[in-house]
Amino acid sequence: MSPIDERLKSLNIALPDVMPPVVDGYVPAFAQFIRSGNQIHLSGRLGKEGGKLLCGKVGNEISLDQGKLAARHGQLNYWSC
């Protein structure tokens, strides 16, 4: 087991399975991330709670706790790719 896997396990973090393509041979039409200088812009990952998408402006459409959960889920999805 790699040190990264050991650390994730010690923190009780389980990475989600990578979602398979819709059909064999499918190639996404978007980039999952783009690097611009020292910034990385992410795309295509949304957090969910109970099967419902967590998207919207924090403090307006979703709560701060929901925003944190959405950010966590999105990051875990990126780590699993």
N, C-alpha and C. Protein backbone atom coordinates (compact mmCIF):
# COMPACT_ATOMS: atom_id res chain seq x y z
N MET A 1 0.85 -1.18 0.00
CA MET A 1 0.00 0.00 0.00
C MET A 1 0.90 1.24 0.00
N SER A 2 0.57 2.21 -0.84
CA SER A 2 1.37 3.42 -0.94
C SER A 2 1.14 4.31 0.28
N PRO A 3 2.08 5.22 0.56
CA PRO A 3 1.89 6.14 1.69
C PRO A 3 0.61 6.97 1.57
N ILE A 4 0.25 7.32 0.34
CA ILE A 4 -0.99 8.09 0.15
C ILE A 4 -2.19 7.25 0.52
N ASP A 5 -2.21 6.00 0.06
CA ASP A 5 -3.33 5.11 0.40
C ASP A 5 -3.41 4.89 1.91
N GLU A 6 -2.26 4.73 2.55
CA GLU A 6 -2.24 4.53 3.99
C GLU A 6 -2.79 5.75 4.72
N ARG A 7 -2.41 6.95 4.26
CA ARG A 7 -2.88 8.18 4.89
C ARG A 7 -4.39 8.35 4.72
N LEU A 8 -4.89 8.08 3.52
CA LEU A 8 -6.34 8.16 3.29
C LEU A 8 -7.07 7.18 4.19
N LYS A 9 -6.53 5.98 4.32
CA LYS A 9 -7.17 4.97 5.17
C LYS A 9 -7.17 5.42 6.63
N SER A 10 -6.06 6.01 7.08
CA SER A 10 -5.98 6.46 8.47
C SER A 10 -6.97 7.59 8.76
N LEU A 11 -7.34 8.35 7.73
CA LEU A 11 -8.32 9.43 7.88
C LEU A 11 -9.75 8.96 7.60
N ASN A 12 -9.92 7.66 7.37
CA ASN A 12 -11.23 7.08 7.03
C ASN A 12 -11.83 7.72 5.79
N ILE A 13 -10.98 7.95 4.78
CA ILE A 13 -11.44 8.51 3.51
C ILE A 13 -11.40 7.40 2.46
N ALA A 14 -12.57 7.12 1.89
CA ALA A 14 -12.66 6.12 0.83
C ALA A 14 -12.95 6.85 -0.48
N LEU A 15 -12.10 6.65 -1.46
CA LEU A 15 -12.33 7.28 -2.76
C LEU A 15 -13.45 6.57 -3.50
N PRO A 16 -14.32 7.34 -4.17
CA PRO A 16 -15.39 6.70 -4.94
C PRO A 16 -14.83 5.99 -6.16
N ASP A 17 -15.59 5.03 -6.66
CA ASP A 17 -15.20 4.36 -7.89
C ASP A 17 -15.27 5.35 -9.03
N VAL A 18 -14.37 5.19 -9.99
CA VAL A 18 -14.39 6.04 -11.18
C VAL A 18 -15.60 5.64 -12.01
N MET A 19 -16.39 6.65 -12.40
CA MET A 19 -17.57 6.37 -13.20
C MET A 19 -17.14 5.93 -14.61
N PRO A 20 -17.69 4.82 -15.08
CA PRO A 20 -17.34 4.37 -16.43
C PRO A 20 -17.95 5.28 -17.48
N PRO A 21 -17.38 5.29 -18.68
CA PRO A 21 -17.99 6.08 -19.75
C PRO A 21 -19.39 5.59 -20.05
N VAL A 22 -20.19 6.45 -20.63
CA VAL A 22 -21.57 6.10 -20.96
C VAL A 22 -21.61 4.91 -21.92
N VAL A 23 -20.76 4.93 -22.93
CA VAL A 23 -20.65 3.84 -23.90
C VAL A 23 -19.18 3.58 -24.16
N ASP A 24 -18.85 2.38 -24.60
CA ASP A 24 -17.47 2.07 -24.93
C ASP A 24 -16.97 3.01 -26.01
N GLY A 25 -15.76 3.50 -25.83
CA GLY A 25 -15.17 4.39 -26.81
C GLY A 25 -15.54 5.85 -26.62
N TYR A 26 -16.37 6.15 -25.59
CA TYR A 26 -16.78 7.54 -25.34
C TYR A 26 -15.59 8.36 -24.86
N VAL A 27 -15.43 9.53 -25.43
CA VAL A 27 -14.39 10.46 -25.01
C VAL A 27 -15.08 11.75 -24.58
N PRO A 28 -14.86 12.20 -23.32
CA PRO A 28 -15.53 13.42 -22.87
C PRO A 28 -15.18 14.60 -23.77
N ALA A 29 -16.14 15.48 -23.97
CA ALA A 29 -15.94 16.64 -24.83
C ALA A 29 -15.42 17.85 -24.04
N PHE A 30 -15.07 17.65 -22.78
CA PHE A 30 -14.56 18.74 -21.97
C PHE A 30 -13.32 18.28 -21.22
N ALA A 31 -12.52 19.22 -20.80
CA ALA A 31 -11.33 18.91 -20.00
C ALA A 31 -11.75 18.91 -18.53
N GLN A 32 -11.28 17.91 -17.77
CA GLN A 32 -11.62 17.85 -16.35
C GLN A 32 -10.95 18.98 -15.58
N PHE A 33 -9.80 19.43 -16.06
CA PHE A 33 -9.15 20.58 -15.44
C PHE A 33 -8.26 21.27 -16.47
N ILE A 34 -8.01 22.54 -16.25
CA ILE A 34 -7.11 23.32 -17.09
C ILE A 34 -6.21 24.10 -16.15
N ARG A 35 -4.90 24.03 -16.40
CA ARG A 35 -3.95 24.78 -15.60
C ARG A 35 -3.64 26.10 -16.31
N SER A 36 -3.70 27.17 -15.55
CA SER A 36 -3.39 28.50 -16.06
C SER A 36 -2.45 29.16 -15.04
N GLY A 37 -1.16 29.17 -15.36
CA GLY A 37 -0.18 29.70 -14.40
C GLY A 37 -0.14 28.84 -13.16
N ASN A 38 -0.38 29.44 -12.01
CA ASN A 38 -0.35 28.67 -10.76
C ASN A 38 -1.76 28.33 -10.28
N GLN A 39 -2.75 28.40 -11.16
CA GLN A 39 -4.12 28.05 -10.82
C GLN A 39 -4.59 26.86 -11.64
N ILE A 40 -5.48 26.07 -11.06
CA ILE A 40 -6.12 24.98 -11.78
C ILE A 40 -7.63 25.21 -11.72
N HIS A 41 -8.26 25.23 -12.89
CA HIS A 41 -9.71 25.42 -12.99
C HIS A 41 -10.33 24.04 -13.23
N LEU A 42 -11.25 23.65 -12.35
CA LEU A 42 -11.87 22.34 -12.40
C LEU A 42 -13.20 22.38 -13.14
N SER A 43 -13.58 21.24 -13.71
CA SER A 43 -14.83 21.17 -14.45
C SER A 43 -15.41 19.77 -14.36
N GLY A 44 -16.73 19.70 -14.33
CA GLY A 44 -17.40 18.42 -14.48
C GLY A 44 -17.58 17.58 -13.24
N ARG A 45 -17.32 18.15 -12.05
CA ARG A 45 -17.49 17.39 -10.81
C ARG A 45 -18.42 18.14 -9.89
N LEU A 46 -19.51 17.51 -9.49
CA LEU A 46 -20.48 18.14 -8.61
C LEU A 46 -20.70 17.27 -7.38
N GLY A 47 -20.87 17.91 -6.26
CA GLY A 47 -21.17 17.18 -5.03
C GLY A 47 -22.64 16.81 -4.97
N LYS A 48 -22.93 15.75 -4.26
CA LYS A 48 -24.31 15.30 -4.09
C LYS A 48 -24.55 14.96 -2.63
N GLU A 49 -25.79 15.12 -2.21
CA GLU A 49 -26.21 14.71 -0.88
C GLU A 49 -27.54 13.98 -1.04
N GLY A 50 -27.53 12.70 -0.72
CA GLY A 50 -28.75 11.90 -0.88
C GLY A 50 -29.25 11.85 -2.30
N GLY A 51 -28.30 11.86 -3.28
CA GLY A 51 -28.66 11.79 -4.68
C GLY A 51 -29.05 13.13 -5.29
N LYS A 52 -29.13 14.19 -4.46
CA LYS A 52 -29.49 15.52 -4.94
C LYS A 52 -28.22 16.35 -5.15
N LEU A 53 -28.13 17.02 -6.30
CA LEU A 53 -26.97 17.86 -6.59
C LEU A 53 -26.88 19.01 -5.59
N LEU A 54 -25.67 19.27 -5.14
CA LEU A 54 -25.40 20.40 -4.27
C LEU A 54 -24.74 21.49 -5.11
N CYS A 55 -25.53 22.35 -5.67
CA CYS A 55 -24.98 23.44 -6.47
C CYS A 55 -25.79 24.70 -6.20
N GLY A 56 -25.11 25.81 -6.29
CA GLY A 56 -25.74 27.09 -6.02
C GLY A 56 -24.80 27.95 -5.21
N LYS A 57 -25.23 29.15 -4.92
CA LYS A 57 -24.42 30.08 -4.15
C LYS A 57 -24.54 29.76 -2.66
N VAL A 58 -23.37 29.60 -2.02
CA VAL A 58 -23.35 29.28 -0.59
C VAL A 58 -23.96 30.45 0.18
N GLY A 59 -24.86 30.12 1.10
CA GLY A 59 -25.52 31.15 1.89
C GLY A 59 -26.81 31.65 1.26
N ASN A 60 -27.03 31.26 0.00
CA ASN A 60 -28.25 31.67 -0.69
C ASN A 60 -29.06 30.44 -1.08
N GLU A 61 -28.53 29.64 -2.03
CA GLU A 61 -29.24 28.43 -2.46
C GLU A 61 -28.86 27.20 -1.63
N ILE A 62 -27.63 27.17 -1.11
CA ILE A 62 -27.21 26.06 -0.26
C ILE A 62 -26.53 26.63 0.99
N SER A 63 -26.55 25.84 2.06
CA SER A 63 -25.96 26.28 3.33
C SER A 63 -24.43 26.14 3.28
N LEU A 64 -23.76 26.74 4.26
CA LEU A 64 -22.31 26.62 4.35
C LEU A 64 -21.90 25.15 4.50
N ASP A 65 -22.62 24.39 5.34
CA ASP A 65 -22.30 22.97 5.52
C ASP A 65 -22.48 22.19 4.22
N GLN A 66 -23.52 22.51 3.47
CA GLN A 66 -23.73 21.84 2.17
C GLN A 66 -22.63 22.23 1.20
N GLY A 67 -22.18 23.49 1.22
CA GLY A 67 -21.08 23.93 0.36
C GLY A 67 -19.80 23.19 0.68
N LYS A 68 -19.51 22.99 1.96
CA LYS A 68 -18.32 22.24 2.37
C LYS A 68 -18.42 20.79 1.91
N LEU A 69 -19.61 20.21 2.05
CA LEU A 69 -19.82 18.82 1.62
C LEU A 69 -19.65 18.69 0.11
N ALA A 70 -20.18 19.65 -0.64
CA ALA A 70 -20.06 19.62 -2.10
C ALA A 70 -18.59 19.74 -2.50
N ALA A 71 -17.83 20.61 -1.85
CA ALA A 71 -16.41 20.76 -2.16
C ALA A 71 -15.65 19.48 -1.84
N ARG A 72 -15.98 18.85 -0.72
CA ARG A 72 -15.32 17.60 -0.34
C ARG A 72 -15.60 16.50 -1.36
N HIS A 73 -16.86 16.35 -1.73
CA HIS A 73 -17.23 15.31 -2.70
C HIS A 73 -16.57 15.55 -4.05
N GLY A 74 -16.55 16.80 -4.48
CA GLY A 74 -15.89 17.12 -5.75
C GLY A 74 -14.42 16.77 -5.73
N GLN A 75 -13.74 17.10 -4.64
CA GLN A 75 -12.31 16.80 -4.52
C GLN A 75 -12.06 15.30 -4.48
N LEU A 76 -12.87 14.56 -3.74
CA LEU A 76 -12.70 13.10 -3.69
C LEU A 76 -12.89 12.50 -5.08
N ASN A 77 -13.83 13.03 -5.85
CA ASN A 77 -14.03 12.55 -7.22
C ASN A 77 -12.79 12.78 -8.07
N TYR A 78 -12.15 13.94 -7.91
CA TYR A 78 -10.93 14.21 -8.67
C TYR A 78 -9.79 13.29 -8.25
N TRP A 79 -9.65 13.05 -6.96
CA TRP A 79 -8.58 12.16 -6.50
C TRP A 79 -8.75 10.74 -7.03
N SER A 80 -10.01 10.33 -7.26
CA SER A 80 -10.25 8.94 -7.69
C SER A 80 -9.96 8.74 -9.17
N CYS A 81 -9.84 9.81 -9.95
CA CYS A 81 -9.62 9.68 -11.39
C CYS A 81 -8.22 9.23 -11.74
